[in-house]
Amino acid sequence: MLELSQVCKSYAPLEPVVSNLSFRLERKQLLAILGPSGCGKTTLLRLIAGLERPSSGQIRFGWQLWSSASDFVAPEQRKIGLVFQDYALFPHLDVLGNVRFGLQGLGKPKSLARAREILERVGLAGFEGRLPHQLSGGQQQRVALARSLAPDPQLLLLDEPFSSLDAALRTDTRAEVRELLLQSQIPAILVTHDQHEALSFADQIVVMRAGRLEQHGTPQAVYHHPRNAFVAQFVGKSNLIWAEASGSTAQSCLGSLELDTSIQNPVQNPISGKILLSIRPEDLAFAESGIPAHILHREFQGAFTLYTCLLESNSGTQEIVVQSKVGWLEVGIRVHLVVTGAVQVLDQG
């Protein structure tokens, strides 16, 4: 439905903000653009919205060419809904007035009916007469969403819309927005630097770094099969260790490891040589026997504890993080580690 092909955006003489970026968004899908601050996420969203024009490459929506070096469709002709981090509500208009703002071409009776319909869908029926400052943060966010959905957009763009909410409200509001979008069958793109937000909200994730696409896939694929060290460490925690591979096994500081070959990719099936591995903390455990280590640090997370352990061997030391539900272990005690889950081979490029 939406296709970006080799899209670049640069402001000479600086390095490109977005560089040779390509991906597709299918009908009814929810996609998250995930990456650290300054990686080009918001610029990419502005390029899709038509608020910026690409330096090169193409952006298509269905059969229509939205942007290229020679063609450009204005933002108001793209039928896109935008939800910003600060909600951008008009303080002098009540809730009904804010939602009706984008419906002026319908005439008063139809715009009132449509605004009330969409407010009921977002759970704000009865709030029509309130001003923005009389609403909670979550309610303001839903008003902004209702205003964007009211004109029936063909694509919704959300620029970190949950970041100003507290943790509990953010989780609840995110789930409500996801359910509403799925019911409305409107494809949406969420820009975020929060890995948990991207994993729980999206059907597809685009991971960016320094303007480039590092990985694109389902949340499960990106998390369980990271392509490189950046993705492995940015999308969740990961232990990165070097090993010597031979066929489907590798010798490492954690002993002999079976490599995950479920992804048919040359880098996932090394024949021999030095390789970089990723092991998630939840794929390690304490045992009565295994690789000896001692606990350097512990971090209570509620449902589990993260333990940083130090391995000592002839080749040096290695810190390993273990996620465990085992009771509160003391710092300094000696433990034994075993690998219980998948071992991923990373691209070193």
C-alpha atoms as a PDB file:
ATOM      1  CA  MET A   1       0.000   0.000   0.000  1.00  0.00           C
ATOM      2  CA  LEU A   2       2.862   2.360   0.920  1.00  0.00           C
ATOM      3  CA  GLU A   3       6.257   1.822  -0.677  1.00  0.00           C
ATOM      4  CA  LEU A   4       9.510   3.696  -0.149  1.00  0.00           C
ATOM      5  CA  SER A   5      12.290   3.048  -2.671  1.00  0.00           C
ATOM      6  CA  GLN A   6      15.862   4.245  -2.031  1.00  0.00           C
ATOM      7  CA  VAL A   7      14.638   7.370  -0.251  1.00  0.00           C
ATOM      8  CA  CYS A   8      17.311   9.893   0.750  1.00  0.00           C
ATOM      9  CA  LYS A   9      17.086  13.257   2.492  1.00  0.00           C
ATOM     10  CA  SER A  10      20.130  15.458   3.004  1.00  0.00           C
ATOM     11  CA  TYR A  11      20.831  19.045   3.930  1.00  0.00           C
ATOM     12  CA  ALA A  12      24.135  19.881   2.252  1.00  0.00           C
ATOM     13  CA  PRO A  13      26.910  19.886   3.308  1.00  0.00           C
ATOM     14  CA  LEU A  14      25.802  17.600   6.182  1.00  0.00           C
ATOM     15  CA  GLU A  15      25.605  13.819   6.037  1.00  0.00           C
ATOM     16  CA  PRO A  16      22.212  12.464   4.829  1.00  0.00           C
ATOM     17  CA  VAL A  17      19.521  12.393   7.503  1.00  0.00           C
ATOM     18  CA  VAL A  18      17.819   9.507   5.668  1.00  0.00           C
ATOM     19  CA  SER A  19      19.951   7.346   3.398  1.00  0.00           C
ATOM     20  CA  ASN A  20      18.796   4.823   0.740  1.00  0.00           C
ATOM     21  CA  LEU A  21      15.843   3.653   2.798  1.00  0.00           C
ATOM     22  CA  SER A  22      13.350   1.175   1.319  1.00  0.00           C
ATOM     23  CA  PHE A  23      10.402  -0.691   2.846  1.00  0.00           C
ATOM     24  CA  ARG A  24       6.712  -1.483   2.285  1.00  0.00           C
ATOM     25  CA  LEU A  25       3.620  -1.085   4.441  1.00  0.00           C
ATOM     26  CA  GLU A  26       0.792  -3.412   3.489  1.00  0.00           C
ATOM     27  CA  ARG A  27      -2.923  -2.693   3.799  1.00  0.00           C
ATOM     28  CA  LYS A  28      -4.261  -2.706   7.410  1.00  0.00           C
ATOM     29  CA  GLN A  29      -0.749  -3.109   8.876  1.00  0.00           C
ATOM     30  CA  LEU A  30       0.659  -1.218  11.839  1.00  0.00           C
ATOM     31  CA  LEU A  31       4.349  -0.402  11.428  1.00  0.00           C
ATOM     32  CA  ALA A  32       6.764   1.022  13.999  1.00  0.00           C
ATOM     33  CA  ILE A  33       9.862   3.004  13.052  1.00  0.00           C
ATOM     34  CA  LEU A  34      12.263   2.365  15.927  1.00  0.00           C
ATOM     35  CA  GLY A  35      15.629   3.937  16.608  1.00  0.00           C
ATOM     36  CA  PRO A  36      17.637   6.197  18.924  1.00  0.00           C
ATOM     37  CA  SER A  37      17.208   9.967  19.023  1.00  0.00           C
ATOM     38  CA  GLY A  38      18.661  11.673  15.970  1.00  0.00           C
ATOM     39  CA  CYS A  39      18.536   8.604  13.701  1.00  0.00           C
ATOM     40  CA  GLY A  40      16.119  10.226  11.200  1.00  0.00           C
ATOM     41  CA  LYS A  41      12.789   8.746  12.351  1.00  0.00           C
ATOM     42  CA  THR A  42      10.824  11.999  12.455  1.00  0.00           C
ATOM     43  CA  THR A  43      12.387  13.205   9.190  1.00  0.00           C
ATOM     44  CA  LEU A  44      11.237   9.966   7.569  1.00  0.00           C
ATOM     45  CA  LEU A  45       7.720  10.513   8.899  1.00  0.00           C
ATOM     46  CA  ARG A  46       7.731  14.075   7.517  1.00  0.00           C
ATOM     47  CA  LEU A  47       8.840  12.741   4.117  1.00  0.00           C
ATOM     48  CA  ILE A  48       5.895  10.321   4.074  1.00  0.00           C
ATOM     49  CA  ALA A  49       3.505  13.089   5.151  1.00  0.00           C
ATOM     50  CA  GLY A  50       4.786  15.429   2.434  1.00  0.00           C
ATOM     51  CA  LEU A  51       6.118  17.985   4.932  1.00  0.00           C
ATOM     52  CA  GLU A  52       9.572  17.343   3.474  1.00  0.00           C
ATOM     53  CA  ARG A  53      10.616  16.451  -0.050  1.00  0.00           C
ATOM     54  CA  PRO A  54      13.170  13.638  -0.598  1.00  0.00           C
ATOM     55  CA  SER A  55      16.524  14.480  -2.147  1.00  0.00           C
ATOM     56  CA  SER A  56      16.240  11.262  -4.163  1.00  0.00           C
ATOM     57  CA  GLY A  57      14.193   8.092  -4.286  1.00  0.00           C
ATOM     58  CA  GLN A  58      10.430   7.563  -4.492  1.00  0.00           C
ATOM     59  CA  ILE A  59       7.461   7.323  -2.150  1.00  0.00           C
ATOM     60  CA  ARG A  60       4.332   5.644  -3.549  1.00  0.00           C
ATOM     61  CA  PHE A  61       0.910   5.036  -2.084  1.00  0.00           C
ATOM     62  CA  GLY A  62      -0.945   2.426  -4.090  1.00  0.00           C
ATOM     63  CA  TRP A  63      -0.886   3.497  -7.705  1.00  0.00           C
ATOM     64  CA  GLN A  64      -0.068   7.141  -6.864  1.00  0.00           C
ATOM     65  CA  LEU A  65       3.470   8.553  -6.871  1.00  0.00           C
ATOM     66  CA  TRP A  66       3.617  10.861  -3.861  1.00  0.00           C
ATOM     67  CA  SER A  67       7.247  11.993  -3.974  1.00  0.00           C
ATOM     68  CA  SER A  68      10.260  11.771  -6.238  1.00  0.00           C
ATOM     69  CA  ALA A  69      12.967  14.071  -7.572  1.00  0.00           C
ATOM     70  CA  SER A  70      10.485  15.413 -10.165  1.00  0.00           C
ATOM     71  CA  ASP A  71       7.010  14.666  -8.754  1.00  0.00           C
ATOM     72  CA  PHE A  72       5.365  15.820  -5.541  1.00  0.00           C
ATOM     73  CA  VAL A  73       1.850  15.509  -4.099  1.00  0.00           C
ATOM     74  CA  ALA A  74       1.046  18.192  -1.506  1.00  0.00           C
ATOM     75  CA  PRO A  75       0.367  17.038   2.091  1.00  0.00           C
ATOM     76  CA  GLU A  76      -3.299  18.109   1.989  1.00  0.00           C
ATOM     77  CA  GLN A  77      -3.869  15.873  -1.059  1.00  0.00           C
ATOM     78  CA  ARG A  78      -2.466  12.719   0.578  1.00  0.00           C
ATOM     79  CA  LYS A  79      -5.383  12.099   2.983  1.00  0.00           C
ATOM     80  CA  ILE A  80      -3.018  11.466   5.880  1.00  0.00           C
ATOM     81  CA  GLY A  81      -3.829  11.797   9.572  1.00  0.00           C
ATOM     82  CA  LEU A  82      -1.091  13.119  11.888  1.00  0.00           C
ATOM     83  CA  VAL A  83      -0.853  12.681  15.659  1.00  0.00           C
ATOM     84  CA  PHE A  84       2.027  14.535  17.321  1.00  0.00           C
ATOM     85  CA  GLN A  85       3.833  14.117  20.629  1.00  0.00           C
ATOM     86  CA  ASP A  86       2.334  17.323  22.065  1.00  0.00           C
ATOM     87  CA  TYR A  87      -1.161  16.578  20.601  1.00  0.00           C
ATOM     88  CA  ALA A  88      -1.345  20.139  19.078  1.00  0.00           C
ATOM     89  CA  LEU A  89      -4.919  20.725  20.300  1.00  0.00           C
ATOM     90  CA  PHE A  90      -6.445  24.189  19.956  1.00  0.00           C
ATOM     91  CA  PRO A  91      -6.719  25.499  23.549  1.00  0.00           C
ATOM     92  CA  HIS A  92      -9.652  27.852  22.757  1.00  0.00           C
ATOM     93  CA  LEU A  93     -11.783  25.096  21.173  1.00  0.00           C
ATOM     94  CA  ASP A  94     -13.667  22.471  23.124  1.00  0.00           C
ATOM     95  CA  VAL A  95     -13.331  18.752  22.370  1.00  0.00           C
ATOM     96  CA  LEU A  96     -16.086  18.807  19.756  1.00  0.00           C
ATOM     97  CA  GLY A  97     -14.591  21.892  18.100  1.00  0.00           C
ATOM     98  CA  ASN A  98     -11.137  20.301  17.923  1.00  0.00           C
ATOM     99  CA  VAL A  99     -12.490  17.170  16.251  1.00  0.00           C
ATOM    100  CA  ARG A 100     -14.681  19.170  13.837  1.00  0.00           C
ATOM    101  CA  PHE A 101     -11.766  21.360  12.763  1.00  0.00           C
ATOM    102  CA  GLY A 102     -10.788  19.065   9.882  1.00  0.00           C
ATOM    103  CA  LEU A 103     -14.399  18.512   8.799  1.00  0.00           C
ATOM    104  CA  GLN A 104     -15.374  22.044   7.817  1.00  0.00           C
ATOM    105  CA  GLY A 105     -16.031  21.016   4.215  1.00  0.00           C
ATOM    106  CA  LEU A 106     -18.850  18.686   5.304  1.00  0.00           C
ATOM    107  CA  GLY A 107     -21.183  21.382   6.575  1.00  0.00           C
ATOM    108  CA  LYS A 108     -22.370  21.755  10.157  1.00  0.00           C
ATOM    109  CA  PRO A 109     -24.923  18.890  10.473  1.00  0.00           C
ATOM    110  CA  LYS A 110     -22.661  16.251   8.898  1.00  0.00           C
ATOM    111  CA  SER A 111     -19.523  17.450  10.700  1.00  0.00           C
ATOM    112  CA  LEU A 112     -21.316  17.381  14.068  1.00  0.00           C
ATOM    113  CA  ALA A 113     -22.592  13.868  13.431  1.00  0.00           C
ATOM    114  CA  ARG A 114     -19.174  12.613  12.305  1.00  0.00           C
ATOM    115  CA  ALA A 115     -17.361  14.269  15.235  1.00  0.00           C
ATOM    116  CA  ARG A 116     -19.762  12.750  17.766  1.00  0.00           C
ATOM    117  CA  GLU A 117     -19.456   9.339  16.106  1.00  0.00           C
ATOM    118  CA  ILE A 118     -15.671   9.325  16.284  1.00  0.00           C
ATOM    119  CA  LEU A 119     -15.657  10.641  19.878  1.00  0.00           C
ATOM    120  CA  GLU A 120     -17.852   7.737  20.896  1.00  0.00           C
ATOM    121  CA  ARG A 121     -15.454   5.320  19.196  1.00  0.00           C
ATOM    122  CA  VAL A 122     -12.496   6.684  21.187  1.00  0.00           C
ATOM    123  CA  GLY A 123     -14.459   6.604  24.449  1.00  0.00           C
ATOM    124  CA  LEU A 124     -15.027  10.347  24.852  1.00  0.00           C
ATOM    125  CA  ALA A 125     -18.790  10.609  24.438  1.00  0.00           C
ATOM    126  CA  GLY A 126     -19.983  13.158  26.993  1.00  0.00           C
ATOM    127  CA  PHE A 127     -16.722  15.147  26.905  1.00  0.00           C
ATOM    128  CA  GLU A 128     -17.707  17.294  23.905  1.00  0.00           C
ATOM    129  CA  GLY A 129     -17.896  20.577  25.823  1.00  0.00           C
ATOM    130  CA  ARG A 130     -14.630  20.318  27.747  1.00  0.00           C
ATOM    131  CA  LEU A 131     -11.563  22.376  26.892  1.00  0.00           C
ATOM    132  CA  PRO A 132      -8.177  20.637  26.451  1.00  0.00           C
ATOM    133  CA  HIS A 133      -6.831  21.861  29.814  1.00  0.00           C
ATOM    134  CA  GLN A 134      -9.793  20.189  31.541  1.00  0.00           C
ATOM    135  CA  LEU A 135      -8.716  16.758  30.239  1.00  0.00           C
ATOM    136  CA  SER A 136      -6.107  14.266  31.422  1.00  0.00           C
ATOM    137  CA  GLY A 137      -3.103  13.476  29.244  1.00  0.00           C
ATOM    138  CA  GLY A 138      -4.670  10.245  28.031  1.00  0.00           C
ATOM    139  CA  GLN A 139      -7.934  12.013  27.165  1.00  0.00           C
ATOM    140  CA  GLN A 140      -6.058  14.739  25.255  1.00  0.00           C
ATOM    141  CA  GLN A 141      -4.243  12.029  23.316  1.00  0.00           C
ATOM    142  CA  ARG A 142      -7.572  10.445  22.353  1.00  0.00           C
ATOM    143  CA  VAL A 143      -8.938  13.817  21.219  1.00  0.00           C
ATOM    144  CA  ALA A 144      -5.888  14.232  18.972  1.00  0.00           C
ATOM    145  CA  LEU A 145      -6.459  10.741  17.620  1.00  0.00           C
ATOM    146  CA  ALA A 146     -10.166  11.425  17.047  1.00  0.00           C
ATOM    147  CA  ARG A 147      -9.346  14.641  15.170  1.00  0.00           C
ATOM    148  CA  SER A 148      -6.974  12.713  12.895  1.00  0.00           C
ATOM    149  CA  LEU A 149      -9.435   9.859  12.305  1.00  0.00           C
ATOM    150  CA  ALA A 150     -12.500  12.043  11.690  1.00  0.00           C
ATOM    151  CA  PRO A 151     -11.699  12.861   8.007  1.00  0.00           C
ATOM    152  CA  ASP A 152     -11.294   9.095   7.361  1.00  0.00           C
ATOM    153  CA  PRO A 153      -7.589   9.171   6.366  1.00  0.00           C
ATOM    154  CA  GLN A 154      -6.054   6.488   4.200  1.00  0.00           C
ATOM    155  CA  LEU A 155      -2.911   6.461   6.381  1.00  0.00           C
ATOM    156  CA  LEU A 156      -2.234   7.543   9.984  1.00  0.00           C
ATOM    157  CA  LEU A 157       1.168   8.792  11.161  1.00  0.00           C
ATOM    158  CA  LEU A 158       1.959   8.925  14.893  1.00  0.00           C
ATOM    159  CA  ASP A 159       5.080  10.759  16.095  1.00  0.00           C
ATOM    160  CA  GLU A 160       5.860   9.455  19.626  1.00  0.00           C
ATOM    161  CA  PRO A 161       2.275  10.170  20.753  1.00  0.00           C
ATOM    162  CA  PHE A 162       2.535   8.263  24.057  1.00  0.00           C
ATOM    163  CA  SER A 163       5.851   9.619  25.361  1.00  0.00           C
ATOM    164  CA  SER A 164       4.348  12.291  27.634  1.00  0.00           C
ATOM    165  CA  LEU A 165       2.082   9.819  29.461  1.00  0.00           C
ATOM    166  CA  ASP A 166       3.025   7.997  32.656  1.00  0.00           C
ATOM    167  CA  ALA A 167       3.999   4.329  32.345  1.00  0.00           C
ATOM    168  CA  ALA A 168       0.664   2.721  33.279  1.00  0.00           C
ATOM    169  CA  LEU A 169      -1.420   5.155  31.203  1.00  0.00           C
ATOM    170  CA  ARG A 170       0.965   4.778  28.280  1.00  0.00           C
ATOM    171  CA  THR A 171       0.460   1.010  28.234  1.00  0.00           C
ATOM    172  CA  ASP A 172      -3.342   1.243  28.443  1.00  0.00           C
ATOM    173  CA  THR A 173      -3.627   4.050  25.872  1.00  0.00           C
ATOM    174  CA  ARG A 174      -1.306   2.284  23.435  1.00  0.00           C
ATOM    175  CA  ALA A 175      -3.433  -0.867  23.608  1.00  0.00           C
ATOM    176  CA  GLU A 176      -6.629   1.167  23.088  1.00  0.00           C
ATOM    177  CA  VAL A 177      -5.187   2.994  20.071  1.00  0.00           C
ATOM    178  CA  ARG A 178      -3.948  -0.267  18.534  1.00  0.00           C
ATOM    179  CA  GLU A 179      -7.379  -1.876  18.916  1.00  0.00           C
ATOM    180  CA  LEU A 180      -9.114   1.173  17.447  1.00  0.00           C
ATOM    181  CA  LEU A 181      -6.820   1.218  14.405  1.00  0.00           C
ATOM    182  CA  LEU A 182      -7.313  -2.487  13.817  1.00  0.00           C
ATOM    183  CA  GLN A 183     -11.094  -2.038  13.993  1.00  0.00           C
ATOM    184  CA  SER A 184     -10.909   0.948  11.635  1.00  0.00           C
ATOM    185  CA  GLN A 185      -8.636  -1.011   9.253  1.00  0.00           C
ATOM    186  CA  ILE A 186      -6.488   2.080   8.802  1.00  0.00           C
ATOM    187  CA  PRO A 187      -2.760   1.409   8.227  1.00  0.00           C
ATOM    188  CA  ALA A 188      -0.561   3.376  10.606  1.00  0.00           C
ATOM    189  CA  ILE A 189       3.096   4.214  11.201  1.00  0.00           C
ATOM    190  CA  LEU A 190       4.332   4.845  14.733  1.00  0.00           C
ATOM    191  CA  VAL A 191       7.647   6.602  15.341  1.00  0.00           C
ATOM    192  CA  THR A 192       9.231   5.685  18.673  1.00  0.00           C
ATOM    193  CA  HIS A 193      12.543   5.169  20.463  1.00  0.00           C
ATOM    194  CA  ASP A 194      10.862   2.819  22.964  1.00  0.00           C
ATOM    195  CA  GLN A 195      11.527  -0.838  22.097  1.00  0.00           C
ATOM    196  CA  HIS A 196       8.667  -2.147  24.265  1.00  0.00           C
ATOM    197  CA  GLU A 197       6.257   0.232  22.565  1.00  0.00           C
ATOM    198  CA  ALA A 198       7.345  -0.902  19.104  1.00  0.00           C
ATOM    199  CA  LEU A 199       7.204  -4.617  19.982  1.00  0.00           C
ATOM    200  CA  SER A 200       3.718  -4.435  21.527  1.00  0.00           C
ATOM    201  CA  PHE A 201       2.115  -2.046  19.011  1.00  0.00           C
ATOM    202  CA  ALA A 202       3.336  -3.027  15.559  1.00  0.00           C
ATOM    203  CA  ASP A 203       2.875  -5.840  13.047  1.00  0.00           C
ATOM    204  CA  GLN A 204       6.147  -4.799  11.394  1.00  0.00           C
ATOM    205  CA  ILE A 205       9.208  -2.959  12.744  1.00  0.00           C
ATOM    206  CA  VAL A 206      11.765  -0.853  10.888  1.00  0.00           C
ATOM    207  CA  VAL A 207      14.929  -0.371  12.969  1.00  0.00           C
ATOM    208  CA  MET A 208      16.958   2.714  12.016  1.00  0.00           C
ATOM    209  CA  ARG A 209      20.430   3.960  12.887  1.00  0.00           C
ATOM    210  CA  ALA A 210      22.088   7.113  11.542  1.00  0.00           C
ATOM    211  CA  GLY A 211      19.505   7.432   8.771  1.00  0.00           C
ATOM    212  CA  ARG A 212      19.851   3.863   7.550  1.00  0.00           C
ATOM    213  CA  LEU A 213      17.600   0.828   7.807  1.00  0.00           C
ATOM    214  CA  GLU A 214      19.259  -1.801   9.997  1.00  0.00           C
ATOM    215  CA  GLN A 215      16.466  -4.397   9.951  1.00  0.00           C
ATOM    216  CA  HIS A 216      12.834  -4.741   8.851  1.00  0.00           C
ATOM    217  CA  GLY A 217      10.536  -7.550   9.933  1.00  0.00           C
ATOM    218  CA  THR A 218       7.950  -8.744  12.398  1.00  0.00           C
ATOM    219  CA  PRO A 219       8.527  -7.932  16.096  1.00  0.00           C
ATOM    220  CA  GLN A 220       9.228 -11.627  16.711  1.00  0.00           C
ATOM    221  CA  ALA A 221      11.795 -11.839  13.895  1.00  0.00           C
ATOM    222  CA  VAL A 222      13.574  -8.624  14.881  1.00  0.00           C
ATOM    223  CA  TYR A 223      13.790  -9.653  18.537  1.00  0.00           C
ATOM    224  CA  HIS A 224      14.622 -13.343  18.161  1.00  0.00           C
ATOM    225  CA  HIS A 225      16.767 -13.057  15.019  1.00  0.00           C
ATOM    226  CA  PRO A 226      18.611  -9.700  15.173  1.00  0.00           C
ATOM    227  CA  ARG A 227      20.741  -9.039  12.124  1.00  0.00           C
ATOM    228  CA  ASN A 228      23.647  -7.306  13.845  1.00  0.00           C
ATOM    229  CA  ALA A 229      24.995  -6.164  17.213  1.00  0.00           C
ATOM    230  CA  PHE A 230      23.186  -2.808  17.101  1.00  0.00           C
ATOM    231  CA  VAL A 231      19.762  -4.412  16.640  1.00  0.00           C
ATOM    232  CA  ALA A 232      20.508  -7.107  19.239  1.00  0.00           C
ATOM    233  CA  GLN A 233      21.374  -4.503  21.884  1.00  0.00           C
ATOM    234  CA  PHE A 234      18.852  -1.812  20.953  1.00  0.00           C
ATOM    235  CA  VAL A 235      15.840  -4.130  20.711  1.00  0.00           C
ATOM    236  CA  GLY A 236      16.101  -5.701  24.169  1.00  0.00           C
ATOM    237  CA  LYS A 237      19.209  -6.708  26.080  1.00  0.00           C
ATOM    238  CA  SER A 238      21.739  -9.112  24.618  1.00  0.00           C
ATOM    239  CA  ASN A 239      25.035 -10.745  25.505  1.00  0.00           C
ATOM    240  CA  LEU A 240      27.526 -10.381  22.650  1.00  0.00           C
ATOM    241  CA  ILE A 241      30.341 -12.924  22.654  1.00  0.00           C
ATOM    242  CA  TRP A 242      32.983 -13.998  20.173  1.00  0.00           C
ATOM    243  CA  ALA A 243      33.298 -17.661  19.280  1.00  0.00           C
ATOM    244  CA  GLU A 244      35.063 -20.014  16.877  1.00  0.00           C
ATOM    245  CA  ALA A 245      32.563 -21.765  14.607  1.00  0.00           C
ATOM    246  CA  SER A 246      32.729 -25.176  13.020  1.00  0.00           C
ATOM    247  CA  GLY A 247      29.575 -26.219  11.176  1.00  0.00           C
ATOM    248  CA  SER A 248      26.525 -25.803  13.404  1.00  0.00           C
ATOM    249  CA  THR A 249      28.486 -25.449  16.664  1.00  0.00           C
ATOM    250  CA  ALA A 250      30.880 -22.894  18.109  1.00  0.00           C
ATOM    251  CA  GLN A 251      33.404 -22.835  20.942  1.00  0.00           C
ATOM    252  CA  SER A 252      33.029 -19.842  23.264  1.00  0.00           C
ATOM    253  CA  CYS A 253      33.527 -18.605  26.816  1.00  0.00           C
ATOM    254  CA  LEU A 254      30.168 -20.279  27.549  1.00  0.00           C
ATOM    255  CA  GLY A 255      31.410 -23.613  26.238  1.00  0.00           C
ATOM    256  CA  SER A 256      30.329 -25.453  23.111  1.00  0.00           C
ATOM    257  CA  LEU A 257      27.162 -23.874  21.698  1.00  0.00           C
ATOM    258  CA  GLU A 258      24.605 -25.090  19.172  1.00  0.00           C
ATOM    259  CA  LEU A 259      23.941 -22.303  16.665  1.00  0.00           C
ATOM    260  CA  ASP A 260      20.421 -21.334  15.582  1.00  0.00           C
ATOM    261  CA  THR A 261      20.114 -22.256  11.903  1.00  0.00           C
ATOM    262  CA  SER A 262      16.353 -21.718  11.647  1.00  0.00           C
ATOM    263  CA  ILE A 263      16.866 -18.635   9.469  1.00  0.00           C
ATOM    264  CA  GLN A 264      18.128 -19.583   6.028  1.00  0.00           C
ATOM    265  CA  ASN A 265      20.804 -16.943   5.642  1.00  0.00           C
ATOM    266  CA  PRO A 266      24.512 -17.436   4.947  1.00  0.00           C
ATOM    267  CA  VAL A 267      25.481 -15.503   8.066  1.00  0.00           C
ATOM    268  CA  GLN A 268      23.267 -17.798  10.178  1.00  0.00           C
ATOM    269  CA  ASN A 269      25.032 -20.922   8.874  1.00  0.00           C
ATOM    270  CA  PRO A 270      28.769 -20.315   9.236  1.00  0.00           C
ATOM    271  CA  ILE A 271      31.158 -23.096   8.221  1.00  0.00           C
ATOM    272  CA  SER A 272      34.177 -22.055  10.258  1.00  0.00           C
ATOM    273  CA  GLY A 273      35.983 -19.088  11.686  1.00  0.00           C
ATOM    274  CA  LYS A 274      35.533 -16.309  14.190  1.00  0.00           C
ATOM    275  CA  ILE A 275      31.918 -15.193  14.622  1.00  0.00           C
ATOM    276  CA  LEU A 276      29.931 -12.830  16.849  1.00  0.00           C
ATOM    277  CA  LEU A 277      27.041 -14.358  18.793  1.00  0.00           C
ATOM    278  CA  SER A 278      23.988 -12.905  20.519  1.00  0.00           C
ATOM    279  CA  ILE A 279      22.398 -14.633  23.529  1.00  0.00           C
ATOM    280  CA  ARG A 280      19.413 -13.044  25.248  1.00  0.00           C
ATOM    281  CA  PRO A 281      19.556 -12.896  29.097  1.00  0.00           C
ATOM    282  CA  GLU A 282      16.401 -15.049  29.302  1.00  0.00           C
ATOM    283  CA  ASP A 283      18.217 -17.770  27.321  1.00  0.00           C
ATOM    284  CA  LEU A 284      20.695 -18.326  30.164  1.00  0.00           C
ATOM    285  CA  ALA A 285      20.131 -19.942  33.547  1.00  0.00           C
ATOM    286  CA  PHE A 286      21.876 -20.824  36.806  1.00  0.00           C
ATOM    287  CA  ALA A 287      22.601 -24.521  37.334  1.00  0.00           C
ATOM    288  CA  GLU A 288      24.433 -26.863  39.698  1.00  0.00           C
ATOM    289  CA  SER A 289      27.118 -27.370  37.055  1.00  0.00           C
ATOM    290  CA  GLY A 290      28.169 -25.372  34.032  1.00  0.00           C
ATOM    291  CA  ILE A 291      30.436 -22.428  33.270  1.00  0.00           C
ATOM    292  CA  PRO A 292      31.743 -20.948  36.570  1.00  0.00           C
ATOM    293  CA  ALA A 293      31.226 -17.237  37.248  1.00  0.00           C
ATOM    294  CA  HIS A 294      30.463 -14.896  40.124  1.00  0.00           C
ATOM    295  CA  ILE A 295      27.783 -12.231  40.496  1.00  0.00           C
ATOM    296  CA  LEU A 296      28.964  -8.637  40.025  1.00  0.00           C
ATOM    297  CA  HIS A 297      25.647  -6.809  40.110  1.00  0.00           C
ATOM    298  CA  ARG A 298      21.909  -7.450  40.423  1.00  0.00           C
ATOM    299  CA  GLU A 299      18.915  -5.401  39.284  1.00  0.00           C
ATOM    300  CA  PHE A 300      15.439  -6.233  40.570  1.00  0.00           C
ATOM    301  CA  GLN A 301      12.777  -5.947  37.827  1.00  0.00           C
ATOM    302  CA  GLY A 302       9.711  -7.231  39.673  1.00  0.00           C
ATOM    303  CA  ALA A 303       8.825 -10.417  37.785  1.00  0.00           C
ATOM    304  CA  PHE A 304      12.521 -11.274  37.428  1.00  0.00           C
ATOM    305  CA  THR A 305      16.015 -10.113  38.367  1.00  0.00           C
ATOM    306  CA  LEU A 306      18.868  -9.235  36.018  1.00  0.00           C
ATOM    307  CA  TYR A 307      22.208 -10.548  37.258  1.00  0.00           C
ATOM    308  CA  THR A 308      25.492  -9.363  35.768  1.00  0.00           C
ATOM    309  CA  CYS A 309      27.986 -12.199  36.105  1.00  0.00           C
ATOM    310  CA  LEU A 310      31.730 -12.263  35.472  1.00  0.00           C
ATOM    311  CA  LEU A 311      33.263 -15.222  33.651  1.00  0.00           C
ATOM    312  CA  GLU A 312      36.999 -15.780  34.032  1.00  0.00           C
ATOM    313  CA  SER A 313      38.996 -17.908  31.613  1.00  0.00           C
ATOM    314  CA  ASN A 314      42.466 -18.217  30.153  1.00  0.00           C
ATOM    315  CA  SER A 315      41.434 -15.884  27.335  1.00  0.00           C
ATOM    316  CA  GLY A 316      40.275 -13.112  29.692  1.00  0.00           C
ATOM    317  CA  THR A 317      37.069 -11.992  31.380  1.00  0.00           C
ATOM    318  CA  GLN A 318      33.538 -11.588  30.019  1.00  0.00           C
ATOM    319  CA  GLU A 319      30.480 -10.026  31.638  1.00  0.00           C
ATOM    320  CA  ILE A 320      27.253 -11.971  31.043  1.00  0.00           C
ATOM    321  CA  VAL A 321      23.729 -10.792  31.943  1.00  0.00           C
ATOM    322  CA  VAL A 322      21.279 -13.457  33.116  1.00  0.00           C
ATOM    323  CA  GLN A 323      17.521 -12.959  33.538  1.00  0.00           C
ATOM    324  CA  SER A 324      16.297 -15.195  36.329  1.00  0.00           C
ATOM    325  CA  LYS A 325      13.325 -15.787  38.606  1.00  0.00           C
ATOM    326  CA  VAL A 326      15.613 -17.494  41.117  1.00  0.00           C
ATOM    327  CA  GLY A 327      15.418 -15.908  44.571  1.00  0.00           C
ATOM    328  CA  TRP A 328      17.564 -12.940  45.543  1.00  0.00           C
ATOM    329  CA  LEU A 329      21.186 -14.083  45.020  1.00  0.00           C
ATOM    330  CA  GLU A 330      23.945 -12.211  46.812  1.00  0.00           C
ATOM    331  CA  VAL A 331      26.565 -10.162  44.973  1.00  0.00           C
ATOM    332  CA  GLY A 332      29.940 -11.919  45.005  1.00  0.00           C
ATOM    333  CA  ILE A 333      28.740 -15.503  45.249  1.00  0.00           C
ATOM    334  CA  ARG A 334      29.969 -18.157  42.839  1.00  0.00           C
ATOM    335  CA  VAL A 335      27.444 -19.553  40.323  1.00  0.00           C
ATOM    336  CA  HIS A 336      27.377 -21.795  37.258  1.00  0.00           C
ATOM    337  CA  LEU A 337      25.797 -20.744  33.951  1.00  0.00           C
ATOM    338  CA  VAL A 338      24.200 -22.799  31.193  1.00  0.00           C
ATOM    339  CA  VAL A 339      22.729 -21.701  27.865  1.00  0.00           C
ATOM    340  CA  THR A 340      19.103 -22.826  27.614  1.00  0.00           C
ATOM    341  CA  GLY A 341      17.857 -20.969  24.533  1.00  0.00           C
ATOM    342  CA  ALA A 342      18.751 -19.858  21.023  1.00  0.00           C
ATOM    343  CA  VAL A 343      22.205 -18.663  20.029  1.00  0.00           C
ATOM    344  CA  GLN A 344      22.104 -16.174  17.159  1.00  0.00           C
ATOM    345  CA  VAL A 345      24.957 -15.502  14.730  1.00  0.00           C
ATOM    346  CA  LEU A 346      25.297 -11.794  13.930  1.00  0.00           C
ATOM    347  CA  ASP A 347      26.401 -10.027  10.792  1.00  0.00           C
ATOM    348  CA  GLN A 348      29.638  -8.207  11.588  1.00  0.00           C
ATOM    349  CA  GLY A 349      29.234  -5.799   8.681  1.00  0.00           C
END
